[in-house]
Amino acid sequence: MTPIGIALLVTDVDGALRALDWEDYEHRMRGLLRLHYGAVDLRDQPAPADMRTALSGYFEGELGQLSAIAWRIAGTPFQQKVWTALAQIPAGTTLSYGALAARIGMPKAVRAVGHANGSNPISVVLPCHRLIGADGSLVKYGGGLERKRWLLRHEGMEV
């Protein structure tokens, strides 16, 4: 349980995070898992203790705790590039889709960056919530704009 809802986590046999989404968006999470991995067999079990500790720390205000979470995701080379760049956006900052496209060396790929961002299966840890519109608007977030607003405020942003 987090301050913004129940988080659902999917880890692999090595304990790496493969998906994080919200209980009310479970259908979306399962769809992304199918897209990236095909048919998967999910079993209920507790998240690894170190992952629970890191996520709890983040939600309690220790924003750097997210970097302690090991993650591994499947995707196209372009998606991997976008997701790796997402992981490098520090807490308390935002970036426009266009700025992220430029950062990965593909300034004209703004829409493709948006699509890859929307296909990110690891919410919060790969901070897709830190991407905003060119005009500073919050635009879309897979977990709902209220969660995006909360996450950005939690990280010290004025929204």
Protein backbone atom coordinates (compact mmCIF):
# COMPACT_ATOMS: atom_id res chain seq x y z
CA MET A 1 0.00 0.00 0.00
CA THR A 2 1.23 3.47 -0.90
CA PRO A 3 -0.23 6.92 -0.23
CA ILE A 4 -1.67 6.86 -3.77
CA GLY A 5 -3.03 3.33 -3.89
CA ILE A 6 -2.07 -0.29 -3.89
CA ALA A 7 0.98 -0.93 -6.05
CA LEU A 8 1.20 -4.21 -7.92
CA LEU A 9 4.72 -5.50 -8.52
CA VAL A 10 5.94 -8.20 -10.85
CA THR A 11 9.43 -9.57 -10.29
CA ASP A 12 11.37 -12.28 -12.04
CA VAL A 13 13.07 -15.32 -10.47
CA ASP A 14 16.18 -13.19 -9.82
CA GLY A 15 14.15 -10.59 -7.91
CA ALA A 16 14.42 -7.90 -10.60
CA LEU A 17 11.39 -5.67 -11.04
CA ARG A 18 9.58 -6.32 -14.33
CA ALA A 19 6.38 -4.32 -13.76
CA LEU A 20 4.91 -1.86 -11.29
CA ASP A 21 1.43 -0.48 -11.71
CA TRP A 22 -1.60 0.35 -9.62
CA GLU A 23 -4.33 -2.04 -8.57
CA ASP A 24 -6.95 -0.04 -10.46
CA TYR A 25 -4.76 -0.30 -13.58
CA GLU A 26 -4.06 -4.03 -13.34
CA HIS A 27 -5.57 -4.62 -16.77
CA ARG A 28 -3.10 -2.14 -18.28
CA MET A 29 -0.19 -3.84 -16.47
CA ARG A 30 -1.21 -7.27 -17.70
CA GLY A 31 -1.52 -5.93 -21.23
CA LEU A 32 1.98 -4.46 -21.10
CA LEU A 33 3.34 -7.74 -19.73
CA ARG A 34 1.72 -9.63 -22.62
CA LEU A 35 3.09 -7.11 -25.09
CA HIS A 36 6.65 -7.35 -23.77
CA TYR A 37 6.81 -11.01 -22.67
CA GLY A 38 3.92 -12.92 -24.20
CA ALA A 39 1.97 -15.22 -21.90
CA VAL A 40 3.20 -14.97 -18.31
CA ASP A 41 2.36 -16.99 -15.24
CA LEU A 42 1.83 -14.62 -12.30
CA ARG A 43 1.73 -15.87 -8.72
CA ASP A 44 0.86 -13.94 -5.59
CA GLN A 45 3.81 -13.64 -3.24
CA PRO A 46 5.43 -10.89 -1.23
CA ALA A 47 7.77 -8.52 -3.03
CA PRO A 48 11.46 -8.92 -2.17
CA ALA A 49 12.22 -7.24 1.17
CA ASP A 50 14.80 -4.87 -0.27
CA MET A 51 12.34 -3.71 -2.92
CA ARG A 52 9.62 -3.11 -0.31
CA THR A 53 12.15 -1.15 1.79
CA ALA A 54 13.22 1.00 -1.17
CA LEU A 55 9.64 1.75 -2.24
CA SER A 56 8.58 2.53 1.32
CA GLY A 57 11.58 4.84 1.66
CA TYR A 58 10.64 6.67 -1.52
CA PHE A 59 7.05 7.19 -0.39
CA GLU A 60 8.30 8.34 3.02
CA GLY A 61 10.40 11.05 1.35
CA GLU A 62 13.74 9.36 0.70
CA LEU A 63 13.50 9.95 -3.04
CA GLY A 64 16.88 8.42 -3.89
CA GLN A 65 15.72 5.00 -2.70
CA LEU A 66 14.32 4.14 -6.13
CA SER A 67 17.85 3.75 -7.51
CA ALA A 68 18.33 0.75 -5.20
CA ILE A 69 15.70 -1.24 -7.10
CA ALA A 70 17.06 -3.66 -9.68
CA TRP A 71 14.89 -3.72 -12.80
CA ARG A 72 14.91 -5.52 -16.11
CA ILE A 73 12.44 -5.05 -18.93
CA ALA A 74 11.97 -6.26 -22.45
CA GLY A 75 11.29 -3.84 -25.27
CA THR A 76 12.53 -2.66 -28.61
CA PRO A 77 15.98 -1.05 -28.76
CA PHE A 78 14.27 2.34 -29.07
CA GLN A 79 12.07 1.70 -26.02
CA GLN A 80 15.12 0.56 -24.05
CA LYS A 81 16.89 3.79 -24.98
CA VAL A 82 13.92 5.89 -23.83
CA TRP A 83 13.48 3.94 -20.59
CA THR A 84 17.18 4.16 -19.77
CA ALA A 85 16.99 7.93 -20.31
CA LEU A 86 13.90 8.10 -18.07
CA ALA A 87 15.85 6.47 -15.28
CA GLN A 88 18.37 9.31 -15.49
CA ILE A 89 15.87 12.12 -14.84
CA PRO A 90 16.47 13.11 -11.22
CA ALA A 91 13.66 13.36 -8.69
CA GLY A 92 12.40 16.91 -8.41
CA THR A 93 12.89 17.68 -12.09
CA THR A 94 10.77 17.32 -15.18
CA LEU A 95 11.60 17.09 -18.85
CA SER A 96 9.45 17.59 -21.91
CA TYR A 97 8.97 14.79 -24.39
CA GLY A 98 10.89 16.86 -26.93
CA ALA A 99 13.79 17.41 -24.54
CA LEU A 100 14.00 13.68 -23.88
CA ALA A 101 13.93 12.97 -27.62
CA ALA A 102 16.83 15.42 -28.04
CA ARG A 103 18.67 13.87 -25.10
CA ILE A 104 18.64 10.45 -26.78
CA GLY A 105 19.88 11.99 -30.03
CA MET A 106 16.57 11.77 -31.89
CA PRO A 107 15.02 15.26 -31.64
CA LYS A 108 12.29 14.54 -34.21
CA ALA A 109 11.08 11.41 -32.42
CA VAL A 110 8.85 13.24 -29.95
CA ARG A 111 5.75 11.12 -30.65
CA ALA A 112 7.76 7.91 -30.55
CA VAL A 113 9.21 8.97 -27.19
CA GLY A 114 5.65 9.55 -25.96
CA HIS A 115 4.59 6.11 -27.15
CA ALA A 116 7.60 4.42 -25.51
CA ASN A 117 6.94 6.36 -22.32
CA GLY A 118 3.33 5.14 -22.36
CA SER A 119 4.56 1.57 -22.79
CA ASN A 120 6.81 1.75 -19.74
CA PRO A 121 5.80 -1.20 -17.54
CA ILE A 122 7.63 0.04 -14.42
CA SER A 123 5.78 3.05 -13.11
CA VAL A 124 7.51 5.29 -10.53
CA VAL A 125 10.85 3.43 -10.66
CA LEU A 126 11.26 4.38 -14.33
CA PRO A 127 9.82 7.84 -13.71
CA CYS A 128 7.52 8.37 -16.66
CA HIS A 129 5.65 10.82 -14.42
CA ARG A 130 8.56 13.26 -14.84
CA LEU A 131 7.76 13.83 -18.52
CA ILE A 132 5.55 16.82 -19.24
CA GLY A 133 4.25 18.67 -22.26
CA ALA A 134 6.36 21.33 -23.99
CA ASP A 135 4.10 23.99 -22.43
CA GLY A 136 4.60 22.59 -18.93
CA SER A 137 1.25 20.78 -18.82
CA LEU A 138 1.01 17.40 -17.10
CA VAL A 139 -0.46 15.62 -20.14
CA LYS A 140 -0.90 11.84 -19.84
CA TYR A 141 0.07 9.35 -17.13
CA GLY A 142 -0.77 5.64 -17.21
CA GLY A 143 -1.81 5.69 -13.55
CA GLY A 144 -4.02 8.78 -13.87
CA LEU A 145 -3.19 12.49 -13.72
CA GLU A 146 -4.00 12.76 -10.01
CA ARG A 147 -1.24 10.23 -9.25
CA LYS A 148 1.17 12.06 -11.55
CA ARG A 149 0.38 15.33 -9.78
CA TRP A 150 0.90 13.67 -6.38
CA LEU A 151 4.22 12.10 -7.41
CA LEU A 152 5.58 15.38 -8.76
CA ARG A 153 4.51 17.29 -5.63
CA HIS A 154 6.00 14.53 -3.48
CA GLU A 155 9.29 15.08 -5.32
CA GLY A 156 9.12 18.83 -4.62
CA MET A 157 7.73 20.13 -7.91
CA GLU A 158 5.20 22.93 -8.19
CA VAL A 159 2.31 21.68 -10.34
